[in-house]
N, C-alpha and C. Protein backbone atom coordinates (compact mmCIF):
# COMPACT_ATOMS: atom_id res chain seq x y z
N ASN A 1 -45.31 -44.88 -52.23
CA ASN A 1 -46.54 -45.10 -53.00
C ASN A 1 -46.65 -44.06 -54.12
N SER A 2 -46.70 -44.52 -55.36
CA SER A 2 -46.82 -43.61 -56.49
C SER A 2 -48.24 -43.04 -56.56
N ASN A 3 -49.18 -43.70 -55.89
CA ASN A 3 -50.57 -43.25 -55.92
C ASN A 3 -50.83 -42.18 -54.86
N THR A 4 -49.87 -41.93 -53.97
CA THR A 4 -50.07 -40.95 -52.91
C THR A 4 -50.21 -39.56 -53.49
N LEU A 5 -51.23 -38.84 -53.05
CA LEU A 5 -51.45 -37.48 -53.53
C LEU A 5 -50.49 -36.54 -52.81
N ILE A 6 -49.63 -35.89 -53.58
CA ILE A 6 -48.68 -34.95 -52.98
C ILE A 6 -49.28 -33.56 -53.05
N ILE A 7 -49.48 -32.95 -51.90
CA ILE A 7 -50.06 -31.61 -51.84
C ILE A 7 -48.97 -30.62 -51.47
N ASP A 8 -48.54 -29.82 -52.45
CA ASP A 8 -47.56 -28.78 -52.13
C ASP A 8 -48.32 -27.51 -51.76
N GLU A 9 -47.58 -26.48 -51.42
CA GLU A 9 -48.21 -25.25 -50.93
C GLU A 9 -49.15 -24.65 -51.97
N GLY A 10 -48.71 -24.65 -53.24
CA GLY A 10 -49.52 -24.06 -54.31
C GLY A 10 -50.83 -24.79 -54.49
N ASN A 11 -50.77 -26.14 -54.53
CA ASN A 11 -52.00 -26.92 -54.71
C ASN A 11 -52.92 -26.73 -53.52
N LEU A 12 -52.36 -26.63 -52.32
CA LEU A 12 -53.17 -26.46 -51.12
C LEU A 12 -53.93 -25.13 -51.17
N ILE A 13 -53.22 -24.08 -51.61
CA ILE A 13 -53.86 -22.76 -51.73
C ILE A 13 -54.99 -22.81 -52.75
N CYS A 14 -54.74 -23.46 -53.88
CA CYS A 14 -55.77 -23.58 -54.92
C CYS A 14 -56.98 -24.33 -54.38
N LEU A 15 -56.73 -25.39 -53.61
CA LEU A 15 -57.81 -26.19 -53.05
C LEU A 15 -58.63 -25.35 -52.07
N ILE A 16 -57.93 -24.59 -51.22
CA ILE A 16 -58.61 -23.73 -50.26
C ILE A 16 -59.44 -22.68 -50.97
N ASN A 17 -58.85 -22.07 -52.01
CA ASN A 17 -59.58 -21.05 -52.78
C ASN A 17 -60.83 -21.65 -53.41
N TYR A 18 -60.71 -22.88 -53.92
CA TYR A 18 -61.85 -23.53 -54.56
C TYR A 18 -62.95 -23.79 -53.54
N ILE A 19 -62.58 -24.34 -52.39
CA ILE A 19 -63.58 -24.62 -51.34
C ILE A 19 -64.19 -23.31 -50.86
N TYR A 20 -63.34 -22.29 -50.70
CA TYR A 20 -63.82 -20.99 -50.24
C TYR A 20 -64.80 -20.39 -51.22
N SER A 21 -64.51 -20.55 -52.53
CA SER A 21 -65.40 -20.00 -53.56
C SER A 21 -66.75 -20.69 -53.50
N LEU A 22 -66.76 -22.01 -53.25
CA LEU A 22 -68.03 -22.72 -53.13
C LEU A 22 -68.78 -22.21 -51.90
N PHE A 23 -68.04 -21.98 -50.82
CA PHE A 23 -68.64 -21.49 -49.58
C PHE A 23 -69.23 -20.10 -49.80
N VAL A 24 -68.52 -19.28 -50.54
CA VAL A 24 -68.96 -17.91 -50.81
C VAL A 24 -70.28 -17.91 -51.58
N VAL A 25 -70.37 -18.75 -52.60
CA VAL A 25 -71.57 -18.79 -53.44
C VAL A 25 -72.80 -19.13 -52.61
N GLN A 26 -72.63 -20.01 -51.62
CA GLN A 26 -73.77 -20.47 -50.83
C GLN A 26 -74.03 -19.60 -49.61
N ASN A 27 -73.09 -18.75 -49.27
CA ASN A 27 -73.24 -17.96 -48.04
C ASN A 27 -72.84 -16.50 -48.27
N LEU A 28 -73.52 -15.86 -49.22
CA LEU A 28 -73.19 -14.47 -49.54
C LEU A 28 -73.38 -13.56 -48.34
N LYS A 29 -74.44 -13.81 -47.56
CA LYS A 29 -74.70 -12.96 -46.40
C LYS A 29 -73.55 -13.04 -45.41
N VAL A 30 -73.04 -14.24 -45.19
CA VAL A 30 -71.92 -14.42 -44.25
C VAL A 30 -70.71 -13.65 -44.75
N VAL A 31 -70.45 -13.73 -46.05
CA VAL A 31 -69.30 -13.04 -46.64
C VAL A 31 -69.46 -11.53 -46.50
N GLN A 32 -70.68 -11.05 -46.71
CA GLN A 32 -70.93 -9.61 -46.59
C GLN A 32 -70.65 -9.15 -45.16
N LEU A 33 -71.06 -9.96 -44.18
CA LEU A 33 -70.80 -9.61 -42.78
C LEU A 33 -69.30 -9.59 -42.53
N MET A 34 -68.59 -10.58 -43.09
CA MET A 34 -67.14 -10.65 -42.92
C MET A 34 -66.48 -9.42 -43.53
N GLU A 35 -66.95 -9.01 -44.72
CA GLU A 35 -66.38 -7.85 -45.40
C GLU A 35 -66.64 -6.58 -44.58
N GLN A 36 -67.85 -6.47 -44.01
CA GLN A 36 -68.17 -5.31 -43.19
C GLN A 36 -67.26 -5.26 -41.98
N PHE A 37 -67.02 -6.44 -41.38
CA PHE A 37 -66.15 -6.52 -40.21
C PHE A 37 -64.74 -6.10 -40.58
N THR A 38 -64.28 -6.57 -41.75
CA THR A 38 -62.94 -6.22 -42.22
C THR A 38 -62.84 -4.73 -42.47
N CYS A 39 -63.89 -4.15 -43.05
CA CYS A 39 -63.88 -2.72 -43.32
C CYS A 39 -63.81 -1.94 -42.02
N LYS A 40 -64.50 -2.41 -40.98
CA LYS A 40 -64.47 -1.74 -39.69
C LYS A 40 -63.06 -1.75 -39.13
N ILE A 41 -62.38 -2.89 -39.27
CA ILE A 41 -61.01 -3.00 -38.79
C ILE A 41 -60.12 -2.02 -39.56
N ARG A 42 -60.30 -1.95 -40.89
CA ARG A 42 -59.49 -1.04 -41.72
C ARG A 42 -59.76 0.40 -41.33
N SER A 43 -61.04 0.72 -41.10
CA SER A 43 -61.39 2.10 -40.77
C SER A 43 -60.76 2.47 -39.43
N LYS A 44 -60.71 1.52 -38.49
CA LYS A 44 -60.08 1.79 -37.20
C LYS A 44 -58.60 2.08 -37.40
N ASN A 45 -57.96 1.29 -38.26
CA ASN A 45 -56.53 1.48 -38.53
C ASN A 45 -56.27 2.84 -39.16
N THR A 46 -57.10 3.22 -40.13
CA THR A 46 -56.90 4.50 -40.82
C THR A 46 -57.16 5.65 -39.85
N THR A 47 -58.16 5.48 -38.99
CA THR A 47 -58.46 6.53 -38.01
C THR A 47 -57.27 6.72 -37.07
N THR A 48 -56.66 5.63 -36.65
CA THR A 48 -55.50 5.71 -35.77
C THR A 48 -54.36 6.43 -36.47
N GLU A 49 -54.15 6.11 -37.74
CA GLU A 49 -53.08 6.76 -38.51
C GLU A 49 -53.35 8.26 -38.62
N GLU A 50 -54.62 8.63 -38.87
CA GLU A 50 -54.97 10.04 -39.01
C GLU A 50 -54.72 10.78 -37.69
N ASN A 51 -55.06 10.13 -36.58
CA ASN A 51 -54.84 10.74 -35.28
C ASN A 51 -53.36 10.96 -35.04
N ASN A 52 -52.55 10.01 -35.45
CA ASN A 52 -51.10 10.15 -35.30
C ASN A 52 -50.58 11.31 -36.13
N LYS A 53 -51.13 11.47 -37.34
CA LYS A 53 -50.69 12.56 -38.22
C LYS A 53 -51.05 13.90 -37.59
N VAL A 54 -52.24 13.99 -36.98
CA VAL A 54 -52.68 15.25 -36.37
C VAL A 54 -51.74 15.62 -35.24
N GLU A 55 -51.35 14.63 -34.45
CA GLU A 55 -50.43 14.90 -33.34
C GLU A 55 -49.05 15.24 -33.91
């Protein structure tokens, strides 16, 4: 079928980014919570690295 929509990896990523951007605009609070959670994970990782350096 020539009418079949072919979705390659690049187009799929663009589509996800587009949907995600729409989601972000409507749910800033949710995104902020996600970012805070991510920062907590990063801070835990950096703390672990610092502890390893001290030892």
